[in-house]
């Protein structure tokens, strides 16, 4: 991460790191060394859980991959 504690930069990049994982994008070792601890941080886990509990949907942002 950008320091010993989460920073604004980490908060900015957490969704990007999540997308790398979601889309199974293979990362180089240096990028993995940043993304893995970031995504396993309790604050990021809380962010993910809160996002999963959202009930509203913006139909224009939804799509199907078939």
PDB file of N, CA and C in Angstrom:
ATOM      1  N   UNK A   1       0.839  -1.167   0.000  1.00  0.00           N
ATOM      2  CA  UNK A   1       0.000   0.000   0.000  1.00  0.00           C
ATOM      3  C   UNK A   1       0.890   1.237   0.000  1.00  0.00           C
ATOM      4  N   UNK A   2       0.276   2.395   0.011  1.00  0.00           N
ATOM      5  CA  UNK A   2       1.057   3.626  -0.079  1.00  0.00           C
ATOM      6  C   UNK A   2       1.687   4.027   1.250  1.00  0.00           C
ATOM      7  N   UNK A   3       1.438   3.280   2.295  1.00  0.00           N
ATOM      8  CA  UNK A   3       2.017   3.559   3.599  1.00  0.00           C
ATOM      9  C   UNK A   3       1.633   2.446   4.552  1.00  0.00           C
ATOM     10  N   UNK A   4       1.931   2.627   5.838  1.00  0.00           N
ATOM     11  CA  UNK A   4       1.593   1.592   6.808  1.00  0.00           C
ATOM     12  C   UNK A   4       0.096   1.570   7.117  1.00  0.00           C
ATOM     13  N   UNK A   5      -0.601   2.652   6.829  1.00  0.00           N
ATOM     14  CA  UNK A   5      -2.050   2.749   6.991  1.00  0.00           C
ATOM     15  C   UNK A   5      -2.671   3.032   5.627  1.00  0.00           C
ATOM     16  N   UNK A   6      -3.975   2.772   5.511  1.00  0.00           N
ATOM     17  CA  UNK A   6      -4.652   3.107   4.256  1.00  0.00           C
ATOM     18  C   UNK A   6      -4.584   4.607   4.022  1.00  0.00           C
ATOM     19  N   UNK A   7      -4.427   4.983   2.778  1.00  0.00           N
ATOM     20  CA  UNK A   7      -4.370   6.388   2.411  1.00  0.00           C
ATOM     21  C   UNK A   7      -5.491   6.681   1.416  1.00  0.00           C
ATOM     22  N   UNK A   8      -5.660   7.947   1.067  1.00  0.00           N
ATOM     23  CA  UNK A   8      -6.634   8.325   0.055  1.00  0.00           C
ATOM     24  C   UNK A   8      -6.297   7.637  -1.271  1.00  0.00           C
ATOM     25  N   UNK A   9      -5.024   7.540  -1.582  1.00  0.00           N
ATOM     26  CA  UNK A   9      -4.610   6.876  -2.823  1.00  0.00           C
ATOM     27  C   UNK A   9      -5.035   5.408  -2.812  1.00  0.00           C
ATOM     28  N   UNK A  10      -4.910   4.732  -1.676  1.00  0.00           N
ATOM     29  CA  UNK A  10      -5.346   3.338  -1.573  1.00  0.00           C
ATOM     30  C   UNK A  10      -6.860   3.240  -1.776  1.00  0.00           C
ATOM     31  N   UNK A  11      -7.606   4.161  -1.179  1.00  0.00           N
ATOM     32  CA  UNK A  11      -9.062   4.163  -1.342  1.00  0.00           C
ATOM     33  C   UNK A  11      -9.430   4.369  -2.810  1.00  0.00           C
ATOM     34  N   UNK A  12      -8.676   5.200  -3.486  1.00  0.00           N
ATOM     35  CA  UNK A  12      -8.925   5.451  -4.906  1.00  0.00           C
ATOM     36  C   UNK A  12      -8.671   4.195  -5.733  1.00  0.00           C
ATOM     37  N   UNK A  13      -7.613   3.460  -5.416  1.00  0.00           N
ATOM     38  CA  UNK A  13      -7.227   2.302  -6.224  1.00  0.00           C
ATOM     39  C   UNK A  13      -7.897   0.997  -5.800  1.00  0.00           C
ATOM     40  N   UNK A  14      -8.564   0.953  -4.660  1.00  0.00           N
ATOM     41  CA  UNK A  14      -9.227  -0.285  -4.224  1.00  0.00           C
ATOM     42  C   UNK A  14     -10.234  -0.796  -5.250  1.00  0.00           C
ATOM     43  N   UNK A  15     -11.103   0.055  -5.824  1.00  0.00           N
ATOM     44  CA  UNK A  15     -12.019  -0.464  -6.855  1.00  0.00           C
ATOM     45  C   UNK A  15     -11.282  -0.964  -8.099  1.00  0.00           C
ATOM     46  N   UNK A  16     -10.172  -0.351  -8.435  1.00  0.00           N
ATOM     47  CA  UNK A  16      -9.379  -0.797  -9.587  1.00  0.00           C
ATOM     48  C   UNK A  16      -8.803  -2.179  -9.297  1.00  0.00           C
ATOM     49  N   UNK A  17      -8.242  -2.348  -8.108  1.00  0.00           N
ATOM     50  CA  UNK A  17      -7.694  -3.645  -7.714  1.00  0.00           C
ATOM     51  C   UNK A  17      -8.788  -4.703  -7.712  1.00  0.00           C
ATOM     52  N   UNK A  18      -9.978  -4.317  -7.271  1.00  0.00           N
ATOM     53  CA  UNK A  18     -11.106  -5.241  -7.270  1.00  0.00           C
ATOM     54  C   UNK A  18     -11.468  -5.665  -8.685  1.00  0.00           C
ATOM     55  N   UNK A  19     -11.434  -4.752  -9.610  1.00  0.00           N
ATOM     56  CA  UNK A  19     -11.738  -5.097 -11.002  1.00  0.00           C
ATOM     57  C   UNK A  19     -10.681  -6.028 -11.590  1.00  0.00           C
ATOM     58  N   UNK A  20      -9.427  -5.826 -11.222  1.00  0.00           N
ATOM     59  CA  UNK A  20      -8.391  -6.755 -11.675  1.00  0.00           C
ATOM     60  C   UNK A  20      -8.753  -8.171 -11.237  1.00  0.00           C
ATOM     61  N   UNK A  21      -9.196  -8.315  -9.986  1.00  0.00           N
ATOM     62  CA  UNK A  21      -9.565  -9.633  -9.466  1.00  0.00           C
ATOM     63  C   UNK A  21     -10.834 -10.141 -10.161  1.00  0.00           C
ATOM     64  N   UNK A  22     -11.848  -9.302 -10.282  1.00  0.00           N
ATOM     65  CA  UNK A  22     -13.120  -9.698 -10.885  1.00  0.00           C
ATOM     66  C   UNK A  22     -12.940 -10.205 -12.304  1.00  0.00           C
ATOM     67  N   UNK A  23     -12.118  -9.501 -13.075  1.00  0.00           N
ATOM     68  CA  UNK A  23     -11.926  -9.857 -14.475  1.00  0.00           C
ATOM     69  C   UNK A  23     -10.739 -10.790 -14.696  1.00  0.00           C
ATOM     70  N   UNK A  24     -10.173 -11.321 -13.612  1.00  0.00           N
ATOM     71  CA  UNK A  24      -9.060 -12.281 -13.674  1.00  0.00           C
ATOM     72  C   UNK A  24      -7.902 -11.753 -14.513  1.00  0.00           C
ATOM     73  N   UNK A  25      -7.566 -10.493 -14.291  1.00  0.00           N
ATOM     74  CA  UNK A  25      -6.438  -9.902 -15.006  1.00  0.00           C
ATOM     75  C   UNK A  25      -5.149 -10.327 -14.314  1.00  0.00           C
ATOM     76  N   UNK A  26      -4.259 -10.916 -15.085  1.00  0.00           N
ATOM     77  CA  UNK A  26      -2.994 -11.375 -14.526  1.00  0.00           C
ATOM     78  C   UNK A  26      -2.080 -10.178 -14.294  1.00  0.00           C
ATOM     79  N   UNK A  27      -1.576 -10.077 -13.080  1.00  0.00           N
ATOM     80  CA  UNK A  27      -0.712  -8.960 -12.713  1.00  0.00           C
ATOM     81  C   UNK A  27       0.723  -9.425 -12.527  1.00  0.00           C
ATOM     82  N   UNK A  28       1.641  -8.519 -12.751  1.00  0.00           N
ATOM     83  CA  UNK A  28       3.048  -8.791 -12.464  1.00  0.00           C
ATOM     84  C   UNK A  28       3.224  -8.849 -10.941  1.00  0.00           C
ATOM     85  N   UNK A  29       4.332  -9.390 -10.508  1.00  0.00           N
ATOM     86  CA  UNK A  29       4.577  -9.577  -9.078  1.00  0.00           C
ATOM     87  C   UNK A  29       4.441  -8.269  -8.293  1.00  0.00           C
ATOM     88  N   UNK A  30       4.998  -7.196  -8.795  1.00  0.00           N
ATOM     89  CA  UNK A  30       4.960  -5.920  -8.073  1.00  0.00           C
ATOM     90  C   UNK A  30       3.517  -5.447  -7.871  1.00  0.00           C
ATOM     91  N   UNK A  31       2.691  -5.579  -8.900  1.00  0.00           N
ATOM     92  CA  UNK A  31       1.294  -5.165  -8.793  1.00  0.00           C
ATOM     93  C   UNK A  31       0.521  -6.075  -7.838  1.00  0.00           C
ATOM     94  N   UNK A  32       0.792  -7.377  -7.890  1.00  0.00           N
ATOM     95  CA  UNK A  32       0.155  -8.317  -6.947  1.00  0.00           C
ATOM     96  C   UNK A  32       0.530  -7.974  -5.520  1.00  0.00           C
ATOM     97  N   UNK A  33       1.798  -7.581  -5.301  1.00  0.00           N
ATOM     98  CA  UNK A  33       2.257  -7.234  -3.951  1.00  0.00           C
ATOM     99  C   UNK A  33       1.538  -6.012  -3.403  1.00  0.00           C
ATOM    100  N   UNK A  34       0.968  -5.207  -4.277  1.00  0.00           N
ATOM    101  CA  UNK A  34       0.169  -4.060  -3.841  1.00  0.00           C
ATOM    102  C   UNK A  34      -1.300  -4.464  -3.687  1.00  0.00           C
ATOM    103  N   UNK A  35      -1.845  -5.140  -4.691  1.00  0.00           N
ATOM    104  CA  UNK A  35      -3.281  -5.427  -4.711  1.00  0.00           C
ATOM    105  C   UNK A  35      -3.707  -6.427  -3.643  1.00  0.00           C
ATOM    106  N   UNK A  36      -2.961  -7.474  -3.436  1.00  0.00           N
ATOM    107  CA  UNK A  36      -3.375  -8.514  -2.498  1.00  0.00           C
ATOM    108  C   UNK A  36      -3.541  -7.985  -1.070  1.00  0.00           C
ATOM    109  N   UNK A  37      -2.568  -7.265  -0.499  1.00  0.00           N
ATOM    110  CA  UNK A  37      -2.787  -6.727   0.849  1.00  0.00           C
ATOM    111  C   UNK A  37      -3.909  -5.680   0.889  1.00  0.00           C
ATOM    112  N   UNK A  38      -4.012  -4.898  -0.175  1.00  0.00           N
ATOM    113  CA  UNK A  38      -5.062  -3.891  -0.222  1.00  0.00           C
ATOM    114  C   UNK A  38      -6.433  -4.556  -0.173  1.00  0.00           C
ATOM    115  N   UNK A  39      -6.643  -5.573  -1.006  1.00  0.00           N
ATOM    116  CA  UNK A  39      -7.936  -6.227  -1.063  1.00  0.00           C
ATOM    117  C   UNK A  39      -8.242  -7.054   0.181  1.00  0.00           C
ATOM    118  N   UNK A  40      -7.238  -7.429   0.940  1.00  0.00           N
ATOM    119  CA  UNK A  40      -7.469  -8.196   2.166  1.00  0.00           C
ATOM    120  C   UNK A  40      -7.561  -7.307   3.407  1.00  0.00           C
ATOM    121  N   UNK A  41      -7.415  -5.997   3.236  1.00  0.00           N
ATOM    122  CA  UNK A  41      -7.514  -5.075   4.370  1.00  0.00           C
ATOM    123  C   UNK A  41      -8.956  -5.048   4.879  1.00  0.00           C
ATOM    124  N   UNK A  42      -9.167  -5.048   6.206  1.00  0.00           N
ATOM    125  CA  UNK A  42     -10.525  -5.049   6.755  1.00  0.00           C
ATOM    126  C   UNK A  42     -11.405  -3.899   6.254  1.00  0.00           C
ATOM    127  N   UNK A  43     -10.848  -2.728   6.051  1.00  0.00           N
ATOM    128  CA  UNK A  43     -11.646  -1.594   5.572  1.00  0.00           C
ATOM    129  C   UNK A  43     -12.139  -1.832   4.150  1.00  0.00           C
ATOM    130  N   UNK A  44     -11.324  -2.464   3.330  1.00  0.00           N
ATOM    131  CA  UNK A  44     -11.734  -2.769   1.962  1.00  0.00           C
ATOM    132  C   UNK A  44     -12.787  -3.876   1.992  1.00  0.00           C
ATOM    133  N   UNK A  45     -12.641  -4.833   2.875  1.00  0.00           N
ATOM    134  CA  UNK A  45     -13.655  -5.873   3.041  1.00  0.00           C
ATOM    135  C   UNK A  45     -14.993  -5.284   3.449  1.00  0.00           C
ATOM    136  N   UNK A  46     -14.962  -4.299   4.327  1.00  0.00           N
ATOM    137  CA  UNK A  46     -16.188  -3.610   4.742  1.00  0.00           C
ATOM    138  C   UNK A  46     -16.821  -2.895   3.544  1.00  0.00           C
ATOM    139  N   UNK A  47     -15.994  -2.249   2.753  1.00  0.00           N
ATOM    140  CA  UNK A  47     -16.462  -1.557   1.535  1.00  0.00           C
ATOM    141  C   UNK A  47     -17.152  -2.549   0.596  1.00  0.00           C
ATOM    142  N   UNK A  48     -16.554  -3.706   0.398  1.00  0.00           N
ATOM    143  CA  UNK A  48     -17.105  -4.716  -0.495  1.00  0.00           C
ATOM    144  C   UNK A  48     -18.433  -5.241   0.056  1.00  0.00           C
ATOM    145  N   UNK A  49     -18.471  -5.527   1.352  1.00  0.00           N
ATOM    146  CA  UNK A  49     -19.706  -6.030   1.948  1.00  0.00           C
ATOM    147  C   UNK A  49     -20.837  -5.009   1.867  1.00  0.00           C
ATOM    148  N   UNK A  50     -20.517  -3.747   2.085  1.00  0.00           N
ATOM    149  CA  UNK A  50     -21.526  -2.697   1.964  1.00  0.00           C
ATOM    150  C   UNK A  50     -22.035  -2.617   0.525  1.00  0.00           C
ATOM    151  N   UNK A  51     -21.133  -2.725  -0.435  1.00  0.00           N
ATOM    152  CA  UNK A  51     -21.540  -2.673  -1.844  1.00  0.00           C
ATOM    153  C   UNK A  51     -22.453  -3.846  -2.182  1.00  0.00           C
ATOM    154  N   UNK A  52     -22.160  -5.015  -1.655  1.00  0.00           N
ATOM    155  CA  UNK A  52     -22.988  -6.197  -1.929  1.00  0.00           C
ATOM    156  C   UNK A  52     -24.387  -6.064  -1.342  1.00  0.00           C
ATOM    157  N   UNK A  53     -24.531  -5.253  -0.311  1.00  0.00           N
ATOM    158  CA  UNK A  53     -25.838  -5.106   0.331  1.00  0.00           C
ATOM    159  C   UNK A  53     -26.719  -4.055  -0.357  1.00  0.00           C
ATOM    160  N   UNK A  54     -26.187  -3.362  -1.346  1.00  0.00           N
ATOM    161  CA  UNK A  54     -26.989  -2.370  -2.074  1.00  0.00           C
ATOM    162  C   UNK A  54     -28.152  -3.076  -2.773  1.00  0.00           C
ATOM    163  N   UNK A  55     -29.313  -2.448  -2.742  1.00  0.00           N
ATOM    164  CA  UNK A  55     -30.491  -3.058  -3.358  1.00  0.00           C
ATOM    165  C   UNK A  55     -30.934  -2.351  -4.637  1.00  0.00           C
ATOM    166  N   UNK A  56     -30.473  -1.143  -4.867  1.00  0.00           N
ATOM    167  CA  UNK A  56     -30.899  -0.404  -6.059  1.00  0.00           C
ATOM    168  C   UNK A  56     -30.021  -0.750  -7.246  1.00  0.00           C
ATOM    169  N   UNK A  57     -30.603  -0.631  -8.430  1.00  0.00           N
ATOM    170  CA  UNK A  57     -29.918  -0.964  -9.671  1.00  0.00           C
ATOM    171  C   UNK A  57     -30.141   0.162 -10.666  1.00  0.00           C
ATOM    172  N   UNK A  58     -29.102   0.547 -11.354  1.00  0.00           N
ATOM    173  CA  UNK A  58     -29.219   1.499 -12.455  1.00  0.00           C
ATOM    174  C   UNK A  58     -29.264   0.675 -13.735  1.00  0.00           C
ATOM    175  N   UNK A  59     -30.450   0.547 -14.284  1.00  0.00           N
ATOM    176  CA  UNK A  59     -30.654  -0.349 -15.426  1.00  0.00           C
ATOM    177  C   UNK A  59     -29.723  -0.039 -16.598  1.00  0.00           C
ATOM    178  N   UNK A  60     -29.440   1.242 -16.824  1.00  0.00           N
ATOM    179  CA  UNK A  60     -28.579   1.589 -17.957  1.00  0.00           C
ATOM    180  C   UNK A  60     -27.127   1.147 -17.759  1.00  0.00           C
ATOM    181  N   UNK A  61     -26.757   0.738 -16.546  1.00  0.00           N
ATOM    182  CA  UNK A  61     -25.391   0.259 -16.282  1.00  0.00           C
ATOM    183  C   UNK A  61     -25.312  -1.270 -16.286  1.00  0.00           C
ATOM    184  N   UNK A  62     -26.423  -1.939 -16.424  1.00  0.00           N
ATOM    185  CA  UNK A  62     -26.442  -3.393 -16.374  1.00  0.00           C
ATOM    186  C   UNK A  62     -26.314  -3.969 -17.781  1.00  0.00           C
ATOM    187  N   UNK A  63     -25.628  -5.074 -17.885  1.00  0.00           N
ATOM    188  CA  UNK A  63     -25.502  -5.752 -19.161  1.00  0.00           C
ATOM    189  C   UNK A  63     -25.275  -7.230 -18.892  1.00  0.00           C
ATOM    190  N   UNK A  64     -25.492  -8.025 -19.907  1.00  0.00           N
ATOM    191  CA  UNK A  64     -25.317  -9.451 -19.797  1.00  0.00           C
ATOM    192  C   UNK A  64     -24.191  -9.890 -20.717  1.00  0.00           C
ATOM    193  N   UNK A  65     -23.359 -10.763 -20.231  1.00  0.00           N
ATOM    194  CA  UNK A  65     -22.283 -11.319 -21.052  1.00  0.00           C
ATOM    195  C   UNK A  65     -22.669 -12.761 -21.352  1.00  0.00           C
ATOM    196  N   UNK A  66     -23.192 -12.958 -22.533  1.00  0.00           N
ATOM    197  CA  UNK A  66     -23.645 -14.314 -22.921  1.00  0.00           C
ATOM    198  C   UNK A  66     -22.880 -14.816 -24.108  1.00  0.00           C
TER     199      UNK A  66
END
